[in-house]
Amino acid sequence: MKRVVIEELTPGMILAKPVTNSTGLVVLPIGAELDDATLARLQRLGLPSVYVDGEAGGASGKTLDELEAELDHRFRRVIDDPIQYQLREAIRLQLRATHGVSDPPEAPPTT
């Protein structure tokens, strides 16, 4: 089971947990297959994410290289900040661990 943000859901995914509205009423049951209509319905509900079948850490099928490039892009404006650098490298370590890579992180920039 993995948690997926609404914007990354695709038709064919299967719900691993039921989806409820603000009053707790089940609007989509466990095992429901998502299609265009259910995706639109989920967006109208304003939910941040849902749980679908699959393994956690899949990140929409992106490769480790793609995820690291995205990480570098997101931190590009704060690269000279030592705290932000540490945050970026901690996230990089987590990405590598979830992809079965245990390479040491790159050396910090010298100032």
C-alpha atoms as a PDB file:
ATOM      1  CA  MET A   1       0.000   0.000   0.000  1.00  0.00           C
ATOM      2  CA  LYS A   2       1.268   3.472  -0.777  1.00  0.00           C
ATOM      3  CA  ARG A   3      -0.016   6.969  -0.243  1.00  0.00           C
ATOM      4  CA  VAL A   4      -0.362   8.976  -3.452  1.00  0.00           C
ATOM      5  CA  VAL A   5      -1.209  12.664  -3.773  1.00  0.00           C
ATOM      6  CA  ILE A   6      -4.370  13.294  -5.781  1.00  0.00           C
ATOM      7  CA  GLU A   7      -2.487  14.998  -8.639  1.00  0.00           C
ATOM      8  CA  GLU A   8      -0.396  11.844  -9.226  1.00  0.00           C
ATOM      9  CA  LEU A   9      -3.257   9.343  -9.337  1.00  0.00           C
ATOM     10  CA  THR A  10      -3.837   7.591 -12.643  1.00  0.00           C
ATOM     11  CA  PRO A  11      -6.678   5.517 -14.051  1.00  0.00           C
ATOM     12  CA  GLY A  12      -6.351   1.838 -13.197  1.00  0.00           C
ATOM     13  CA  MET A  13      -4.996   2.322  -9.670  1.00  0.00           C
ATOM     14  CA  ILE A  14      -6.836   0.344  -6.972  1.00  0.00           C
ATOM     15  CA  LEU A  15      -7.798   1.881  -3.620  1.00  0.00           C
ATOM     16  CA  ALA A  16      -6.146   0.165  -0.646  1.00  0.00           C
ATOM     17  CA  LYS A  17      -8.228   2.097   1.915  1.00  0.00           C
ATOM     18  CA  PRO A  18     -11.744   3.468   1.608  1.00  0.00           C
ATOM     19  CA  VAL A  19     -12.186   7.156   0.811  1.00  0.00           C
ATOM     20  CA  THR A  20     -14.525   9.060   3.105  1.00  0.00           C
ATOM     21  CA  ASN A  21     -16.019  12.527   2.930  1.00  0.00           C
ATOM     22  CA  SER A  22     -15.843  15.153   5.686  1.00  0.00           C
ATOM     23  CA  THR A  23     -18.687  13.483   7.596  1.00  0.00           C
ATOM     24  CA  GLY A  24     -17.053  10.038   7.499  1.00  0.00           C
ATOM     25  CA  LEU A  25     -19.354   8.577   4.853  1.00  0.00           C
ATOM     26  CA  VAL A  26     -17.552   6.145   2.510  1.00  0.00           C
ATOM     27  CA  VAL A  27     -17.636   7.598  -1.007  1.00  0.00           C
ATOM     28  CA  LEU A  28     -15.281   5.045  -2.598  1.00  0.00           C
ATOM     29  CA  PRO A  29     -14.758   1.591  -1.094  1.00  0.00           C
ATOM     30  CA  ILE A  30     -11.581  -0.420  -0.709  1.00  0.00           C
ATOM     31  CA  GLY A  31     -10.743  -2.152  -3.977  1.00  0.00           C
ATOM     32  CA  ALA A  32     -12.359   0.494  -6.191  1.00  0.00           C
ATOM     33  CA  GLU A  33     -10.517   0.921  -9.488  1.00  0.00           C
ATOM     34  CA  LEU A  34      -9.862   4.546 -10.346  1.00  0.00           C
ATOM     35  CA  ASP A  35     -11.044   5.913 -13.668  1.00  0.00           C
ATOM     36  CA  ASP A  36     -11.396   9.441 -15.035  1.00  0.00           C
ATOM     37  CA  ALA A  37     -14.738   9.957 -13.284  1.00  0.00           C
ATOM     38  CA  THR A  38     -13.472   8.821  -9.867  1.00  0.00           C
ATOM     39  CA  LEU A  39     -10.311  10.910 -10.260  1.00  0.00           C
ATOM     40  CA  ALA A  40     -12.464  13.994 -10.905  1.00  0.00           C
ATOM     41  CA  ARG A  41     -14.606  13.094  -7.885  1.00  0.00           C
ATOM     42  CA  LEU A  42     -11.535  12.801  -5.648  1.00  0.00           C
ATOM     43  CA  GLN A  43     -10.321  16.215  -6.791  1.00  0.00           C
ATOM     44  CA  ARG A  44     -13.720  17.754  -5.998  1.00  0.00           C
ATOM     45  CA  LEU A  45     -13.545  16.275  -2.481  1.00  0.00           C
ATOM     46  CA  GLY A  46     -10.377  18.283  -1.892  1.00  0.00           C
ATOM     47  CA  LEU A  47      -8.441  15.386  -0.380  1.00  0.00           C
ATOM     48  CA  PRO A  48      -4.657  15.730  -0.294  1.00  0.00           C
ATOM     49  CA  SER A  49      -3.987  12.021  -0.944  1.00  0.00           C
ATOM     50  CA  VAL A  50      -5.372   8.476  -0.882  1.00  0.00           C
ATOM     51  CA  TYR A  51      -3.927   5.005  -0.346  1.00  0.00           C
ATOM     52  CA  VAL A  52      -3.618   2.698  -3.343  1.00  0.00           C
ATOM     53  CA  ASP A  53      -2.271  -0.804  -3.884  1.00  0.00           C
ATOM     54  CA  GLY A  54       1.447  -0.975  -4.547  1.00  0.00           C
ATOM     55  CA  GLU A  55       4.729  -0.551  -2.754  1.00  0.00           C
ATOM     56  CA  ALA A  56       5.632   2.655  -0.963  1.00  0.00           C
ATOM     57  CA  GLY A  57       8.441   4.735  -2.370  1.00  0.00           C
ATOM     58  CA  GLY A  58       7.529   4.199  -5.998  1.00  0.00           C
ATOM     59  CA  ALA A  59       7.310   7.945  -6.615  1.00  0.00           C
ATOM     60  CA  SER A  60       5.280   7.523  -9.793  1.00  0.00           C
ATOM     61  CA  GLY A  61       7.839   5.211 -11.360  1.00  0.00           C
ATOM     62  CA  LYS A  62      10.636   7.785 -11.418  1.00  0.00           C
ATOM     63  CA  THR A  63      14.199   6.503 -11.411  1.00  0.00           C
ATOM     64  CA  LEU A  64      16.650   7.385  -8.678  1.00  0.00           C
ATOM     65  CA  ASP A  65      18.489   9.684 -11.091  1.00  0.00           C
ATOM     66  CA  GLU A  66      15.258  11.517 -11.920  1.00  0.00           C
ATOM     67  CA  LEU A  67      14.386  11.891  -8.234  1.00  0.00           C
ATOM     68  CA  GLU A  68      17.854  13.208  -7.395  1.00  0.00           C
ATOM     69  CA  ALA A  69      17.719  15.672 -10.285  1.00  0.00           C
ATOM     70  CA  GLU A  70      14.329  16.885  -9.023  1.00  0.00           C
ATOM     71  CA  LEU A  71      15.754  17.197  -5.503  1.00  0.00           C
ATOM     72  CA  ASP A  72      18.700  19.269  -6.759  1.00  0.00           C
ATOM     73  CA  HIS A  73      16.336  21.463  -8.754  1.00  0.00           C
ATOM     74  CA  ARG A  74      14.131  22.108  -5.721  1.00  0.00           C
ATOM     75  CA  PHE A  75      17.120  23.129  -3.588  1.00  0.00           C
ATOM     76  CA  ARG A  76      18.926  25.133  -6.314  1.00  0.00           C
ATOM     77  CA  ARG A  77      18.200  28.539  -4.751  1.00  0.00           C
ATOM     78  CA  VAL A  78      19.462  27.642  -1.279  1.00  0.00           C
ATOM     79  CA  ILE A  79      22.549  25.615  -2.174  1.00  0.00           C
ATOM     80  CA  ASP A  80      24.870  27.972  -0.244  1.00  0.00           C
ATOM     81  CA  ASP A  81      22.888  27.615   2.992  1.00  0.00           C
ATOM     82  CA  PRO A  82      24.553  24.917   5.165  1.00  0.00           C
ATOM     83  CA  ILE A  83      21.277  23.951   6.877  1.00  0.00           C
ATOM     84  CA  GLN A  84      19.458  23.585   3.559  1.00  0.00           C
ATOM     85  CA  TYR A  85      22.420  21.567   2.255  1.00  0.00           C
ATOM     86  CA  GLN A  86      22.083  19.162   5.194  1.00  0.00           C
ATOM     87  CA  LEU A  87      18.347  18.835   4.581  1.00  0.00           C
ATOM     88  CA  ARG A  88      18.910  18.103   0.903  1.00  0.00           C
ATOM     89  CA  GLU A  89      21.517  15.446   1.686  1.00  0.00           C
ATOM     90  CA  ALA A  90      19.287  13.818   4.322  1.00  0.00           C
ATOM     91  CA  ILE A  91      16.528  13.560   1.725  1.00  0.00           C
ATOM     92  CA  ARG A  92      19.039  12.203  -0.804  1.00  0.00           C
ATOM     93  CA  LEU A  93      20.108   9.494   1.675  1.00  0.00           C
ATOM     94  CA  GLN A  94      16.473   8.521   2.204  1.00  0.00           C
ATOM     95  CA  LEU A  95      15.854   8.338  -1.551  1.00  0.00           C
ATOM     96  CA  ARG A  96      18.922   6.154  -2.008  1.00  0.00           C
ATOM     97  CA  ALA A  97      17.944   3.905   0.885  1.00  0.00           C
ATOM     98  CA  THR A  98      14.459   3.373  -0.550  1.00  0.00           C
ATOM     99  CA  HIS A  99      16.064   2.456  -3.880  1.00  0.00           C
ATOM    100  CA  GLY A 100      18.589   0.057  -2.342  1.00  0.00           C
ATOM    101  CA  VAL A 101      21.659   2.269  -2.883  1.00  0.00           C
ATOM    102  CA  SER A 102      24.061   2.886  -0.029  1.00  0.00           C
ATOM    103  CA  ASP A 103      26.612   5.178  -1.674  1.00  0.00           C
ATOM    104  CA  PRO A 104      28.023   7.849   0.627  1.00  0.00           C
ATOM    105  CA  PRO A 105      26.658  11.361   0.049  1.00  0.00           C
ATOM    106  CA  GLU A 106      28.709  13.868  -1.887  1.00  0.00           C
ATOM    107  CA  ALA A 107      31.167  16.026   0.041  1.00  0.00           C
ATOM    108  CA  PRO A 108      29.814  19.388   1.285  1.00  0.00           C
ATOM    109  CA  PRO A 109      30.893  22.481  -0.612  1.00  0.00           C
ATOM    110  CA  THR A 110      33.945  24.218   0.749  1.00  0.00           C
ATOM    111  CA  THR A 111      33.635  27.841   1.725  1.00  0.00           C
END
